[in-house]
PDB file of N, CA and C in Angstrom:
ATOM      1  N   UNK A   1     -15.193   3.181   4.254  1.00  0.00           N
ATOM      2  CA  UNK A   1     -14.067   2.403   4.525  1.00  0.00           C
ATOM      3  C   UNK A   1     -13.216   2.691   3.512  1.00  0.00           C
ATOM      4  N   UNK A   2     -11.795   2.475   3.916  1.00  0.00           N
ATOM      5  CA  UNK A   2     -10.524   2.475   3.869  1.00  0.00           C
ATOM      6  C   UNK A   2     -10.285   1.757   2.086  1.00  0.00           C
ATOM      7  N   UNK A   3      -9.836   3.285   0.892  1.00  0.00           N
ATOM      8  CA  UNK A   3      -9.595   2.415  -0.005  1.00  0.00           C
ATOM      9  C   UNK A   3      -8.116   1.328  -0.026  1.00  0.00           C
ATOM     10  N   UNK A   4      -8.346  -0.258  -0.495  1.00  0.00           N
ATOM     11  CA  UNK A   4      -7.099  -0.601  -0.639  1.00  0.00           C
ATOM     12  C   UNK A   4      -6.527  -0.443  -1.831  1.00  0.00           C
ATOM     13  N   UNK A   5      -5.364  -0.767  -1.593  1.00  0.00           N
ATOM     14  CA  UNK A   5      -4.108  -0.115  -2.440  1.00  0.00           C
ATOM     15  C   UNK A   5      -3.662  -1.210  -2.704  1.00  0.00           C
ATOM     16  N   UNK A   6      -3.073  -1.391  -4.188  1.00  0.00           N
ATOM     17  CA  UNK A   6      -2.170  -2.615  -4.422  1.00  0.00           C
ATOM     18  C   UNK A   6      -0.365  -2.443  -3.813  1.00  0.00           C
ATOM     19  N   UNK A   7      -0.059  -3.201  -3.509  1.00  0.00           N
ATOM     20  CA  UNK A   7       1.489  -3.051  -3.292  1.00  0.00           C
ATOM     21  C   UNK A   7       2.605  -2.178  -4.268  1.00  0.00           C
ATOM     22  N   UNK A   8       2.155  -2.525  -5.889  1.00  0.00           N
ATOM     23  CA  UNK A   8       2.520  -1.560  -6.952  1.00  0.00           C
ATOM     24  C   UNK A   8       1.643   0.075  -6.737  1.00  0.00           C
ATOM     25  N   UNK A   9       0.454   0.053  -6.418  1.00  0.00           N
ATOM     26  CA  UNK A   9       0.410   1.012  -6.338  1.00  0.00           C
ATOM     27  C   UNK A   9       0.783   2.356  -5.197  1.00  0.00           C
ATOM     28  N   UNK A  10       0.864   1.348  -3.862  1.00  0.00           N
ATOM     29  CA  UNK A  10       2.076   2.159  -2.734  1.00  0.00           C
ATOM     30  C   UNK A  10       3.298   2.387  -3.204  1.00  0.00           C
ATOM     31  N   UNK A  11       4.222   1.755  -3.981  1.00  0.00           N
ATOM     32  CA  UNK A  11       5.530   2.025  -4.314  1.00  0.00           C
ATOM     33  C   UNK A  11       5.550   2.602  -5.593  1.00  0.00           C
ATOM     34  N   UNK A  12       4.433   2.969  -6.103  1.00  0.00           N
ATOM     35  CA  UNK A  12       4.449   4.169  -7.232  1.00  0.00           C
ATOM     36  C   UNK A  12       4.055   5.374  -6.423  1.00  0.00           C
ATOM     37  N   UNK A  13       3.515   5.304  -5.066  1.00  0.00           N
ATOM     38  CA  UNK A  13       3.230   6.577  -4.377  1.00  0.00           C
ATOM     39  C   UNK A  13       4.230   6.874  -3.775  1.00  0.00           C
ATOM     40  N   UNK A  14       5.320   5.873  -3.067  1.00  0.00           N
ATOM     41  CA  UNK A  14       6.232   6.084  -2.526  1.00  0.00           C
ATOM     42  C   UNK A  14       7.176   6.810  -3.368  1.00  0.00           C
ATOM     43  N   UNK A  15       7.383   6.180  -4.803  1.00  0.00           N
ATOM     44  CA  UNK A  15       8.500   6.671  -5.729  1.00  0.00           C
ATOM     45  C   UNK A  15       8.085   7.907  -5.510  1.00  0.00           C
ATOM     46  N   UNK A  16       6.746   8.378  -6.145  1.00  0.00           N
ATOM     47  CA  UNK A  16       6.467  10.221  -6.409  1.00  0.00           C
ATOM     48  C   UNK A  16       6.745  10.892  -5.214  1.00  0.00           C
ATOM     49  N   UNK A  17       6.626  10.613  -3.981  1.00  0.00           N
ATOM     50  CA  UNK A  17       6.722  11.195  -2.664  1.00  0.00           C
ATOM     51  C   UNK A  17       8.121  11.873  -2.272  1.00  0.00           C
ATOM     52  N   UNK A  18       9.074  10.385  -2.455  1.00  0.00           N
ATOM     53  CA  UNK A  18      10.530  10.264  -2.354  1.00  0.00           C
ATOM     54  C   UNK A  18      11.284  11.391  -3.380  1.00  0.00           C
ATOM     55  N   UNK A  19      10.780  11.322  -4.448  1.00  0.00           N
ATOM     56  CA  UNK A  19      11.441  12.256  -5.549  1.00  0.00           C
ATOM     57  C   UNK A  19      11.659  13.497  -5.148  1.00  0.00           C
ATOM     58  N   UNK A  20      10.171  13.817  -4.957  1.00  0.00           N
ATOM     59  CA  UNK A  20      10.030  15.454  -4.870  1.00  0.00           C
ATOM     60  C   UNK A  20      10.022  15.982  -3.496  1.00  0.00           C
ATOM     61  N   UNK A  21      10.184  14.970  -1.908  1.00  0.00           N
ATOM     62  CA  UNK A  21      10.211  15.862  -0.817  1.00  0.00           C
ATOM     63  C   UNK A  21      11.635  15.205  -0.425  1.00  0.00           C
ATOM     64  N   UNK A  22      12.586  15.323   0.124  1.00  0.00           N
ATOM     65  CA  UNK A  22      13.896  15.137   0.423  1.00  0.00           C
ATOM     66  C   UNK A  22      13.559  14.664   2.223  1.00  0.00           C
ATOM     67  N   UNK A  23      12.879  15.156   2.927  1.00  0.00           N
ATOM     68  CA  UNK A  23      12.670  14.868   4.333  1.00  0.00           C
ATOM     69  C   UNK A  23      11.520  13.771   4.254  1.00  0.00           C
ATOM     70  N   UNK A  24      10.958  13.125   3.377  1.00  0.00           N
ATOM     71  CA  UNK A  24       9.990  11.931   3.454  1.00  0.00           C
ATOM     72  C   UNK A  24      11.048  11.272   2.709  1.00  0.00           C
ATOM     73  N   UNK A  25      11.891  11.269   1.991  1.00  0.00           N
ATOM     74  CA  UNK A  25      12.788  10.356   2.121  1.00  0.00           C
ATOM     75  C   UNK A  25      13.310   9.764   2.478  1.00  0.00           C
ATOM     76  N   UNK A  26      14.249  10.919   3.315  1.00  0.00           N
ATOM     77  CA  UNK A  26      14.752  10.313   4.900  1.00  0.00           C
ATOM     78  C   UNK A  26      14.479   9.964   5.838  1.00  0.00           C
ATOM     79  N   UNK A  27      13.067  10.047   5.404  1.00  0.00           N
ATOM     80  CA  UNK A  27      11.885   9.479   6.621  1.00  0.00           C
ATOM     81  C   UNK A  27      11.820   8.063   6.541  1.00  0.00           C
ATOM     82  N   UNK A  28      11.606   7.715   5.136  1.00  0.00           N
ATOM     83  CA  UNK A  28      11.495   6.554   4.864  1.00  0.00           C
ATOM     84  C   UNK A  28      12.496   5.553   4.594  1.00  0.00           C
ATOM     85  N   UNK A  29      13.846   5.993   4.763  1.00  0.00           N
ATOM     86  CA  UNK A  29      14.574   5.396   4.681  1.00  0.00           C
ATOM     87  C   UNK A  29      15.380   4.975   6.015  1.00  0.00           C
ATOM     88  N   UNK A  30      14.278   5.962   7.118  1.00  0.00           N
ATOM     89  CA  UNK A  30      15.019   5.883   8.477  1.00  0.00           C
ATOM     90  C   UNK A  30      14.293   4.798   9.454  1.00  0.00           C
ATOM     91  N   UNK A  31      12.685   4.863   8.933  1.00  0.00           N
ATOM     92  CA  UNK A  31      11.450   4.057   9.219  1.00  0.00           C
ATOM     93  C   UNK A  31      10.427   3.669   8.142  1.00  0.00           C
ATOM     94  N   UNK A  32      10.724   2.553   7.457  1.00  0.00           N
ATOM     95  CA  UNK A  32       9.978   2.709   6.263  1.00  0.00           C
ATOM     96  C   UNK A  32       8.316   2.075   6.959  1.00  0.00           C
ATOM     97  N   UNK A  33       8.629   1.315   8.046  1.00  0.00           N
ATOM     98  CA  UNK A  33       7.279   1.128   8.968  1.00  0.00           C
ATOM     99  C   UNK A  33       5.953   1.948   9.198  1.00  0.00           C
ATOM    100  N   UNK A  34       7.100   2.499  10.276  1.00  0.00           N
ATOM    101  CA  UNK A  34       5.887   3.992  10.608  1.00  0.00           C
ATOM    102  C   UNK A  34       5.596   5.099   9.751  1.00  0.00           C
ATOM    103  N   UNK A  35       6.514   5.351   8.890  1.00  0.00           N
ATOM    104  CA  UNK A  35       6.048   6.232   7.459  1.00  0.00           C
ATOM    105  C   UNK A  35       5.022   5.554   6.760  1.00  0.00           C
ATOM    106  N   UNK A  36       4.800   3.858   5.999  1.00  0.00           N
ATOM    107  CA  UNK A  36       3.806   3.699   5.574  1.00  0.00           C
ATOM    108  C   UNK A  36       2.398   3.479   6.826  1.00  0.00           C
ATOM    109  N   UNK A  37       2.735   3.336   8.015  1.00  0.00           N
ATOM    110  CA  UNK A  37       1.554   2.870   9.227  1.00  0.00           C
ATOM    111  C   UNK A  37       0.952   4.420   8.651  1.00  0.00           C
ATOM    112  N   UNK A  38       1.723   5.482   9.144  1.00  0.00           N
ATOM    113  CA  UNK A  38       1.058   6.968   9.079  1.00  0.00           C
ATOM    114  C   UNK A  38       0.188   7.495   7.856  1.00  0.00           C
ATOM    115  N   UNK A  39       1.117   6.843   6.980  1.00  0.00           N
ATOM    116  CA  UNK A  39       0.531   6.948   5.115  1.00  0.00           C
ATOM    117  C   UNK A  39      -1.037   6.292   5.405  1.00  0.00           C
ATOM    118  N   UNK A  40      -1.200   5.050   5.439  1.00  0.00           N
ATOM    119  CA  UNK A  40      -2.247   4.763   5.068  1.00  0.00           C
ATOM    120  C   UNK A  40      -3.340   4.548   6.357  1.00  0.00           C
ATOM    121  N   UNK A  41      -2.917   5.400   7.815  1.00  0.00           N
ATOM    122  CA  UNK A  41      -3.585   5.350   8.357  1.00  0.00           C
ATOM    123  C   UNK A  41      -4.137   4.052   9.500  1.00  0.00           C
ATOM    124  N   UNK A  42      -3.566   2.743   9.604  1.00  0.00           N
ATOM    125  CA  UNK A  42      -3.534   1.033  10.086  1.00  0.00           C
ATOM    126  C   UNK A  42      -2.030   1.073  10.549  1.00  0.00           C
ATOM    127  N   UNK A  43      -2.352  -0.155  11.885  1.00  0.00           N
ATOM    128  CA  UNK A  43      -0.702  -0.811  11.755  1.00  0.00           C
ATOM    129  C   UNK A  43      -0.565  -1.825  11.096  1.00  0.00           C
ATOM    130  N   UNK A  44       1.042  -1.929  10.747  1.00  0.00           N
ATOM    131  CA  UNK A  44       0.910  -3.129  10.420  1.00  0.00           C
ATOM    132  C   UNK A  44       1.441  -4.309  10.871  1.00  0.00           C
ATOM    133  N   UNK A  45       1.071  -5.645  10.655  1.00  0.00           N
ATOM    134  CA  UNK A  45       0.979  -6.248  11.538  1.00  0.00           C
ATOM    135  C   UNK A  45       2.596  -6.495  12.446  1.00  0.00           C
ATOM    136  N   UNK A  46       3.408  -6.546  13.877  1.00  0.00           N
ATOM    137  CA  UNK A  46       4.386  -7.068  14.403  1.00  0.00           C
ATOM    138  C   UNK A  46       4.990  -8.203  13.609  1.00  0.00           C
ATOM    139  N   UNK A  47       4.561  -8.980  12.538  1.00  0.00           N
ATOM    140  CA  UNK A  47       5.067 -10.400  12.365  1.00  0.00           C
ATOM    141  C   UNK A  47       5.674  -9.875  10.494  1.00  0.00           C
ATOM    142  N   UNK A  48       4.459  -8.572  10.564  1.00  0.00           N
ATOM    143  CA  UNK A  48       5.271  -7.920   9.355  1.00  0.00           C
ATOM    144  C   UNK A  48       6.738  -6.674   8.819  1.00  0.00           C
ATOM    145  N   UNK A  49       7.754  -7.289   8.450  1.00  0.00           N
ATOM    146  CA  UNK A  49       8.802  -6.306   8.189  1.00  0.00           C
ATOM    147  C   UNK A  49       9.168  -5.507   7.213  1.00  0.00           C
ATOM    148  N   UNK A  50       9.126  -4.252   7.275  1.00  0.00           N
ATOM    149  CA  UNK A  50       9.171  -3.205   6.207  1.00  0.00           C
ATOM    150  C   UNK A  50      10.624  -2.692   6.008  1.00  0.00           C
ATOM    151  N   UNK A  51      11.069  -2.764   4.548  1.00  0.00           N
ATOM    152  CA  UNK A  51      12.587  -2.879   4.570  1.00  0.00           C
ATOM    153  C   UNK A  51      12.633  -1.485   3.448  1.00  0.00           C
ATOM    154  N   UNK A  52      13.471  -0.554   3.546  1.00  0.00           N
ATOM    155  CA  UNK A  52      13.604   0.235   2.918  1.00  0.00           C
ATOM    156  C   UNK A  52      15.232   0.127   1.832  1.00  0.00           C
ATOM    157  N   UNK A  53      15.489  -0.475   0.631  1.00  0.00           N
ATOM    158  CA  UNK A  53      16.582  -0.291  -0.122  1.00  0.00           C
ATOM    159  C   UNK A  53      16.568   0.915  -1.362  1.00  0.00           C
ATOM    160  N   UNK A  54      17.635   1.817  -0.705  1.00  0.00           N
ATOM    161  CA  UNK A  54      17.829   2.719  -1.410  1.00  0.00           C
ATOM    162  C   UNK A  54      18.943   1.982  -2.931  1.00  0.00           C
ATOM    163  N   UNK A  55      18.507   2.555  -3.882  1.00  0.00           N
ATOM    164  CA  UNK A  55      18.907   2.149  -5.283  1.00  0.00           C
ATOM    165  C   UNK A  55      20.204   3.129  -5.355  1.00  0.00           C
ATOM    166  N   UNK A  56      21.031   2.515  -6.225  1.00  0.00           N
ATOM    167  CA  UNK A  56      22.568   3.922  -6.565  1.00  0.00           C
ATOM    168  C   UNK A  56      22.371   3.694  -8.326  1.00  0.00           C
ATOM    169  N   UNK A  57      23.213   4.987  -8.790  1.00  0.00           N
ATOM    170  CA  UNK A  57      23.491   4.844 -10.707  1.00  0.00           C
ATOM    171  C   UNK A  57      23.594   3.665 -10.793  1.00  0.00           C
ATOM    172  N   UNK A  58      24.333   2.909 -10.565  1.00  0.00           N
ATOM    173  CA  UNK A  58      24.706   1.468 -10.763  1.00  0.00           C
ATOM    174  C   UNK A  58      24.168  -0.103 -10.178  1.00  0.00           C
ATOM    175  N   UNK A  59      22.741   0.246  -9.561  1.00  0.00           N
ATOM    176  CA  UNK A  59      22.579  -0.753  -8.582  1.00  0.00           C
ATOM    177  C   UNK A  59      21.535  -0.736  -8.828  1.00  0.00           C
ATOM    178  N   UNK A  60      20.187  -1.554  -9.278  1.00  0.00           N
ATOM    179  CA  UNK A  60      18.750  -1.534  -9.249  1.00  0.00           C
ATOM    180  C   UNK A  60      18.440  -3.019  -8.756  1.00  0.00           C
ATOM    181  N   UNK A  61      17.088  -2.825  -7.842  1.00  0.00           N
ATOM    182  CA  UNK A  61      17.160  -3.689  -7.503  1.00  0.00           C
ATOM    183  C   UNK A  61      15.660  -4.329  -8.139  1.00  0.00           C
ATOM    184  N   UNK A  62      15.198  -5.678  -7.794  1.00  0.00           N
ATOM    185  CA  UNK A  62      14.036  -6.810  -8.367  1.00  0.00           C
ATOM    186  C   UNK A  62      13.346  -7.078  -7.211  1.00  0.00           C
ATOM    187  N   UNK A  63      12.357  -7.055  -6.952  1.00  0.00           N
ATOM    188  CA  UNK A  63      11.316  -7.772  -5.830  1.00  0.00           C
ATOM    189  C   UNK A  63      11.237  -8.755  -6.834  1.00  0.00           C
ATOM    190  N   UNK A  64      11.114  -9.765  -6.153  1.00  0.00           N
ATOM    191  CA  UNK A  64      10.595 -11.331  -6.093  1.00  0.00           C
ATOM    192  C   UNK A  64       9.771 -11.787  -5.501  1.00  0.00           C
ATOM    193  N   UNK A  65       7.991 -11.494  -5.870  1.00  0.00           N
ATOM    194  CA  UNK A  65       7.273 -12.003  -4.875  1.00  0.00           C
ATOM    195  C   UNK A  65       7.025 -12.680  -4.308  1.00  0.00           C
ATOM    196  N   UNK A  66       6.684 -13.043  -2.962  1.00  0.00           N
ATOM    197  CA  UNK A  66       6.226 -14.693  -2.381  1.00  0.00           C
ATOM    198  C   UNK A  66       5.151 -15.345  -2.718  1.00  0.00           C
ATOM    199  N   UNK A  67       5.786 -16.735  -2.773  1.00  0.00           N
ATOM    200  CA  UNK A  67       4.576 -16.991  -3.843  1.00  0.00           C
ATOM    201  C   UNK A  67       4.496 -18.541  -2.891  1.00  0.00           C
ATOM    202  N   UNK A  68       3.649 -18.861  -2.579  1.00  0.00           N
ATOM    203  CA  UNK A  68       3.258 -19.540  -1.372  1.00  0.00           C
ATOM    204  C   UNK A  68       3.654 -21.263  -1.866  1.00  0.00           C
ATOM    205  N   UNK A  69       3.655 -22.218  -0.807  1.00  0.00           N
ATOM    206  CA  UNK A  69       3.689 -23.413  -1.607  1.00  0.00           C
ATOM    207  C   UNK A  69       2.195 -23.906  -2.296  1.00  0.00           C
ATOM    208  N   UNK A  70       2.004 -24.833  -3.292  1.00  0.00           N
ATOM    209  CA  UNK A  70       0.537 -25.318  -3.031  1.00  0.00           C
ATOM    210  C   UNK A  70       0.094 -25.918  -2.270  1.00  0.00           C
ATOM    211  N   UNK A  71      -1.457 -25.478  -2.169  1.00  0.00           N
ATOM    212  CA  UNK A  71      -1.774 -26.214  -0.796  1.00  0.00           C
ATOM    213  C   UNK A  71      -1.619 -25.550   0.391  1.00  0.00           C
ATOM    214  N   UNK A  72      -0.899 -24.539   0.030  1.00  0.00           N
ATOM    215  CA  UNK A  72      -0.619 -23.481   1.599  1.00  0.00           C
ATOM    216  C   UNK A  72      -1.458 -22.930   1.739  1.00  0.00           C
ATOM    217  N   UNK A  73      -2.090 -22.943   3.099  1.00  0.00           N
ATOM    218  CA  UNK A  73      -3.421 -21.738   3.720  1.00  0.00           C
ATOM    219  C   UNK A  73      -2.487 -20.420   4.413  1.00  0.00           C
ATOM    220  N   UNK A  74      -3.255 -19.626   4.457  1.00  0.00           N
ATOM    221  CA  UNK A  74      -2.885 -18.374   4.450  1.00  0.00           C
ATOM    222  C   UNK A  74      -3.895 -18.133   6.288  1.00  0.00           C
ATOM    223  N   UNK A  75      -3.153 -17.565   7.477  1.00  0.00           N
ATOM    224  CA  UNK A  75      -3.798 -17.474   8.332  1.00  0.00           C
ATOM    225  C   UNK A  75      -4.547 -16.408   8.449  1.00  0.00           C
ATOM    226  N   UNK A  76      -5.577 -16.254   9.351  1.00  0.00           N
ATOM    227  CA  UNK A  76      -6.845 -15.823   9.715  1.00  0.00           C
ATOM    228  C   UNK A  76      -6.161 -14.061   9.524  1.00  0.00           C
ATOM    229  N   UNK A  77      -4.973 -13.822   9.941  1.00  0.00           N
ATOM    230  CA  UNK A  77      -4.712 -12.376   9.812  1.00  0.00           C
ATOM    231  C   UNK A  77      -4.401 -12.145   8.725  1.00  0.00           C
ATOM    232  N   UNK A  78      -3.357 -13.224   8.141  1.00  0.00           N
ATOM    233  CA  UNK A  78      -2.925 -13.129   6.602  1.00  0.00           C
ATOM    234  C   UNK A  78      -3.909 -12.461   5.785  1.00  0.00           C
ATOM    235  N   UNK A  79      -4.783 -13.251   6.103  1.00  0.00           N
ATOM    236  CA  UNK A  79      -6.191 -13.364   4.998  1.00  0.00           C
ATOM    237  C   UNK A  79      -6.969 -12.032   5.206  1.00  0.00           C
ATOM    238  N   UNK A  80      -6.865 -11.341   6.575  1.00  0.00           N
ATOM    239  CA  UNK A  80      -7.757 -10.233   6.540  1.00  0.00           C
ATOM    240  C   UNK A  80      -6.476  -9.185   5.800  1.00  0.00           C
ATOM    241  N   UNK A  81      -5.563  -9.146   6.196  1.00  0.00           N
ATOM    242  CA  UNK A  81      -4.574  -8.060   5.507  1.00  0.00           C
ATOM    243  C   UNK A  81      -4.583  -7.972   3.661  1.00  0.00           C
ATOM    244  N   UNK A  82      -4.860  -9.315   2.854  1.00  0.00           N
ATOM    245  CA  UNK A  82      -5.235  -9.104   1.795  1.00  0.00           C
ATOM    246  C   UNK A  82      -6.374  -9.111   1.139  1.00  0.00           C
ATOM    247  N   UNK A  83      -7.751  -8.913   2.192  1.00  0.00           N
ATOM    248  CA  UNK A  83      -9.289  -8.773   1.739  1.00  0.00           C
ATOM    249  C   UNK A  83      -8.981  -7.767   0.987  1.00  0.00           C
ATOM    250  N   UNK A  84      -9.911  -7.719   0.398  1.00  0.00           N
ATOM    251  CA  UNK A  84     -10.582  -6.349  -0.443  1.00  0.00           C
ATOM    252  C   UNK A  84     -11.936  -6.215  -0.792  1.00  0.00           C
ATOM    253  N   UNK A  85     -12.841  -5.691  -0.859  1.00  0.00           N
ATOM    254  CA  UNK A  85     -13.743  -5.619  -1.326  1.00  0.00           C
ATOM    255  C   UNK A  85     -14.683  -3.735  -1.309  1.00  0.00           C
ATOM    256  N   UNK A  86     -15.928  -4.073  -1.603  1.00  0.00           N
ATOM    257  CA  UNK A  86     -16.222  -3.050  -1.444  1.00  0.00           C
ATOM    258  C   UNK A  86     -17.048  -2.814  -0.068  1.00  0.00           C
ATOM    259  N   UNK A  87     -17.389  -1.508   0.217  1.00  0.00           N
ATOM    260  CA  UNK A  87     -18.284  -1.044   1.311  1.00  0.00           C
ATOM    261  C   UNK A  87     -19.724  -0.229   0.887  1.00  0.00           C
ATOM    262  N   UNK A  88     -19.883  -0.729  -0.375  1.00  0.00           N
ATOM    263  CA  UNK A  88     -20.951  -0.345  -1.159  1.00  0.00           C
ATOM    264  C   UNK A  88     -22.522  -0.242   0.121  1.00  0.00           C
ATOM    265  N   UNK A  89     -23.207  -0.062  -0.738  1.00  0.00           N
ATOM    266  CA  UNK A  89     -24.585  -0.110  -0.052  1.00  0.00           C
ATOM    267  C   UNK A  89     -25.688  -1.034  -1.250  1.00  0.00           C
ATOM    268  N   UNK A  90     -25.262  -2.624  -0.783  1.00  0.00           N
ATOM    269  CA  UNK A  90     -26.204  -3.533  -1.692  1.00  0.00           C
ATOM    270  C   UNK A  90     -27.103  -4.257  -0.820  1.00  0.00           C
ATOM    271  N   UNK A  91     -28.004  -4.863  -1.419  1.00  0.00           N
ATOM    272  CA  UNK A  91     -29.127  -6.204  -0.638  1.00  0.00           C
ATOM    273  C   UNK A  91     -28.467  -7.129  -1.215  1.00  0.00           C
ATOM    274  N   UNK A  92     -28.965  -8.152  -0.261  1.00  0.00           N
ATOM    275  CA  UNK A  92     -28.979  -9.658  -0.523  1.00  0.00           C
ATOM    276  C   UNK A  92     -27.677 -10.186  -1.091  1.00  0.00           C
ATOM    277  N   UNK A  93     -26.540  -9.344  -0.422  1.00  0.00           N
ATOM    278  CA  UNK A  93     -25.256 -10.103  -0.679  1.00  0.00           C
ATOM    279  C   UNK A  93     -24.852  -9.335  -1.677  1.00  0.00           C
ATOM    280  N   UNK A  94     -25.464  -8.483  -2.352  1.00  0.00           N
ATOM    281  CA  UNK A  94     -24.752  -7.704  -3.358  1.00  0.00           C
ATOM    282  C   UNK A  94     -24.128  -6.023  -3.099  1.00  0.00           C
ATOM    283  N   UNK A  95     -22.828  -5.886  -3.378  1.00  0.00           N
ATOM    284  CA  UNK A  95     -22.576  -4.471  -3.332  1.00  0.00           C
ATOM    285  C   UNK A  95     -22.194  -3.725  -4.383  1.00  0.00           C
ATOM    286  N   UNK A  96     -22.442  -2.425  -3.885  1.00  0.00           N
ATOM    287  CA  UNK A  96     -22.323  -0.649  -5.505  1.00  0.00           C
ATOM    288  C   UNK A  96     -21.256  -0.618  -5.417  1.00  0.00           C
ATOM    289  N   UNK A  97     -20.539  -0.216  -6.400  1.00  0.00           N
ATOM    290  CA  UNK A  97     -19.391   0.547  -6.926  1.00  0.00           C
ATOM    291  C   UNK A  97     -19.589   1.092  -7.818  1.00  0.00           C
ATOM    292  N   UNK A  98     -18.788   2.551  -7.463  1.00  0.00           N
ATOM    293  CA  UNK A  98     -18.544   3.582  -8.303  1.00  0.00           C
ATOM    294  C   UNK A  98     -17.116   3.538  -8.601  1.00  0.00           C
ATOM    295  N   UNK A  99     -17.390   4.530  -9.790  1.00  0.00           N
ATOM    296  CA  UNK A  99     -16.036   5.083 -10.249  1.00  0.00           C
ATOM    297  C   UNK A  99     -15.681   6.087 -10.457  1.00  0.00           C
ATOM    298  N   UNK A 100     -16.708   7.381  -9.910  1.00  0.00           N
ATOM    299  CA  UNK A 100     -16.272   8.859  -9.638  1.00  0.00           C
ATOM    300  C   UNK A 100     -16.771   9.268 -10.733  1.00  0.00           C
ATOM    301  N   UNK A 101     -17.247   8.982 -11.894  1.00  0.00           N
ATOM    302  CA  UNK A 101     -16.873   9.752 -13.216  1.00  0.00           C
ATOM    303  C   UNK A 101     -15.883   9.329 -13.990  1.00  0.00           C
ATOM    304  N   UNK A 102     -15.234   8.493 -13.895  1.00  0.00           N
ATOM    305  CA  UNK A 102     -14.370   7.593 -14.775  1.00  0.00           C
ATOM    306  C   UNK A 102     -14.907   7.127 -16.063  1.00  0.00           C
ATOM    307  N   UNK A 103     -14.019   7.508 -17.099  1.00  0.00           N
ATOM    308  CA  UNK A 103     -13.867   6.762 -18.057  1.00  0.00           C
ATOM    309  C   UNK A 103     -13.272   5.449 -18.605  1.00  0.00           C
ATOM    310  N   UNK A 104     -13.372   4.922 -19.015  1.00  0.00           N
ATOM    311  CA  UNK A 104     -12.805   3.779 -19.033  1.00  0.00           C
ATOM    312  C   UNK A 104     -12.415   2.658 -17.313  1.00  0.00           C
ATOM    313  N   UNK A 105     -13.158   3.049 -17.085  1.00  0.00           N
ATOM    314  CA  UNK A 105     -13.520   2.189 -15.619  1.00  0.00           C
ATOM    315  C   UNK A 105     -11.618   2.468 -14.932  1.00  0.00           C
ATOM    316  N   UNK A 106     -10.803   2.943 -14.882  1.00  0.00           N
ATOM    317  CA  UNK A 106      -9.763   3.440 -14.263  1.00  0.00           C
ATOM    318  C   UNK A 106     -10.084   4.658 -13.237  1.00  0.00           C
ATOM    319  N   UNK A 107      -9.314   4.821 -12.513  1.00  0.00           N
ATOM    320  CA  UNK A 107      -9.144   6.207 -11.753  1.00  0.00           C
ATOM    321  C   UNK A 107      -6.903   5.987 -10.891  1.00  0.00           C
ATOM    322  N   UNK A 108      -7.040   7.224 -10.851  1.00  0.00           N
ATOM    323  CA  UNK A 108      -5.452   7.039 -10.216  1.00  0.00           C
ATOM    324  C   UNK A 108      -5.745   7.146  -8.956  1.00  0.00           C
ATOM    325  N   UNK A 109      -5.068   7.338  -8.227  1.00  0.00           N
ATOM    326  CA  UNK A 109      -4.442   7.444  -6.321  1.00  0.00           C
ATOM    327  C   UNK A 109      -3.478   8.507  -6.536  1.00  0.00           C
ATOM    328  N   UNK A 110      -3.838   9.266  -6.304  1.00  0.00           N
ATOM    329  CA  UNK A 110      -2.612  10.338  -5.901  1.00  0.00           C
ATOM    330  C   UNK A 110      -2.065  10.783  -4.818  1.00  0.00           C
ATOM    331  N   UNK A 111      -2.377  10.312  -3.521  1.00  0.00           N
ATOM    332  CA  UNK A 111      -2.132  10.888  -2.755  1.00  0.00           C
ATOM    333  C   UNK A 111      -2.162   9.800  -1.475  1.00  0.00           C
ATOM    334  N   UNK A 112      -1.514   9.886  -0.137  1.00  0.00           N
ATOM    335  CA  UNK A 112      -2.119   9.149   0.993  1.00  0.00           C
ATOM    336  C   UNK A 112      -2.250  10.347   1.683  1.00  0.00           C
ATOM    337  N   UNK A 113      -2.441  10.070   3.085  1.00  0.00           N
ATOM    338  CA  UNK A 113      -2.625  10.721   4.260  1.00  0.00           C
ATOM    339  C   UNK A 113      -1.677  12.029   4.575  1.00  0.00           C
ATOM    340  N   UNK A 114      -1.994  13.252   4.005  1.00  0.00           N
ATOM    341  CA  UNK A 114      -1.105  14.434   3.750  1.00  0.00           C
ATOM    342  C   UNK A 114      -1.062  14.424   5.555  1.00  0.00           C
ATOM    343  N   UNK A 115      -1.555  13.911   5.897  1.00  0.00           N
ATOM    344  CA  UNK A 115      -1.037  14.543   7.822  1.00  0.00           C
ATOM    345  C   UNK A 115      -0.357  14.179   8.481  1.00  0.00           C
ATOM    346  N   UNK A 116       0.377  13.168   7.998  1.00  0.00           N
ATOM    347  CA  UNK A 116       1.445  12.230   8.742  1.00  0.00           C
ATOM    348  C   UNK A 116       2.480  13.395   8.982  1.00  0.00           C
ATOM    349  N   UNK A 117       3.462  12.930  10.161  1.00  0.00           N
ATOM    350  CA  UNK A 117       4.450  13.466  10.935  1.00  0.00           C
ATOM    351  C   UNK A 117       5.594  12.452  10.794  1.00  0.00           C
ATOM    352  N   UNK A 118       6.453  13.089   9.871  1.00  0.00           N
ATOM    353  CA  UNK A 118       7.669  12.150   9.705  1.00  0.00           C
ATOM    354  C   UNK A 118       8.528  12.214  10.676  1.00  0.00           C
ATOM    355  N   UNK A 119       8.963  11.025  10.866  1.00  0.00           N
ATOM    356  CA  UNK A 119      10.430  10.589  11.878  1.00  0.00           C
ATOM    357  C   UNK A 119      11.252  10.793  11.853  1.00  0.00           C
TER     358      UNK A 119
END
């Protein structure tokens, strides 16, 4: 099962790779949706727009997250995109989880799909 990353984790990785690889940075600015799809190994639905905004030394951007109105329900497609879970082997509705020997229950993801072709 593919690992689910939070938006914050994705942003941290994009920042890391953009700072160290000018070609990656240019591709991300040119076509961010294609770069993310390649990195994550899955298609982003057509209904979702991905925008790249380049900060300057004198301008900082703050992303204000979308908050649905109270009582609003997500579509099946939207639910599928945000659903998480484990692919472990469990019985009777239980799942098993591993932390790969981590102490304190935290692991850090340090790379995406390394075989991505830059646009």
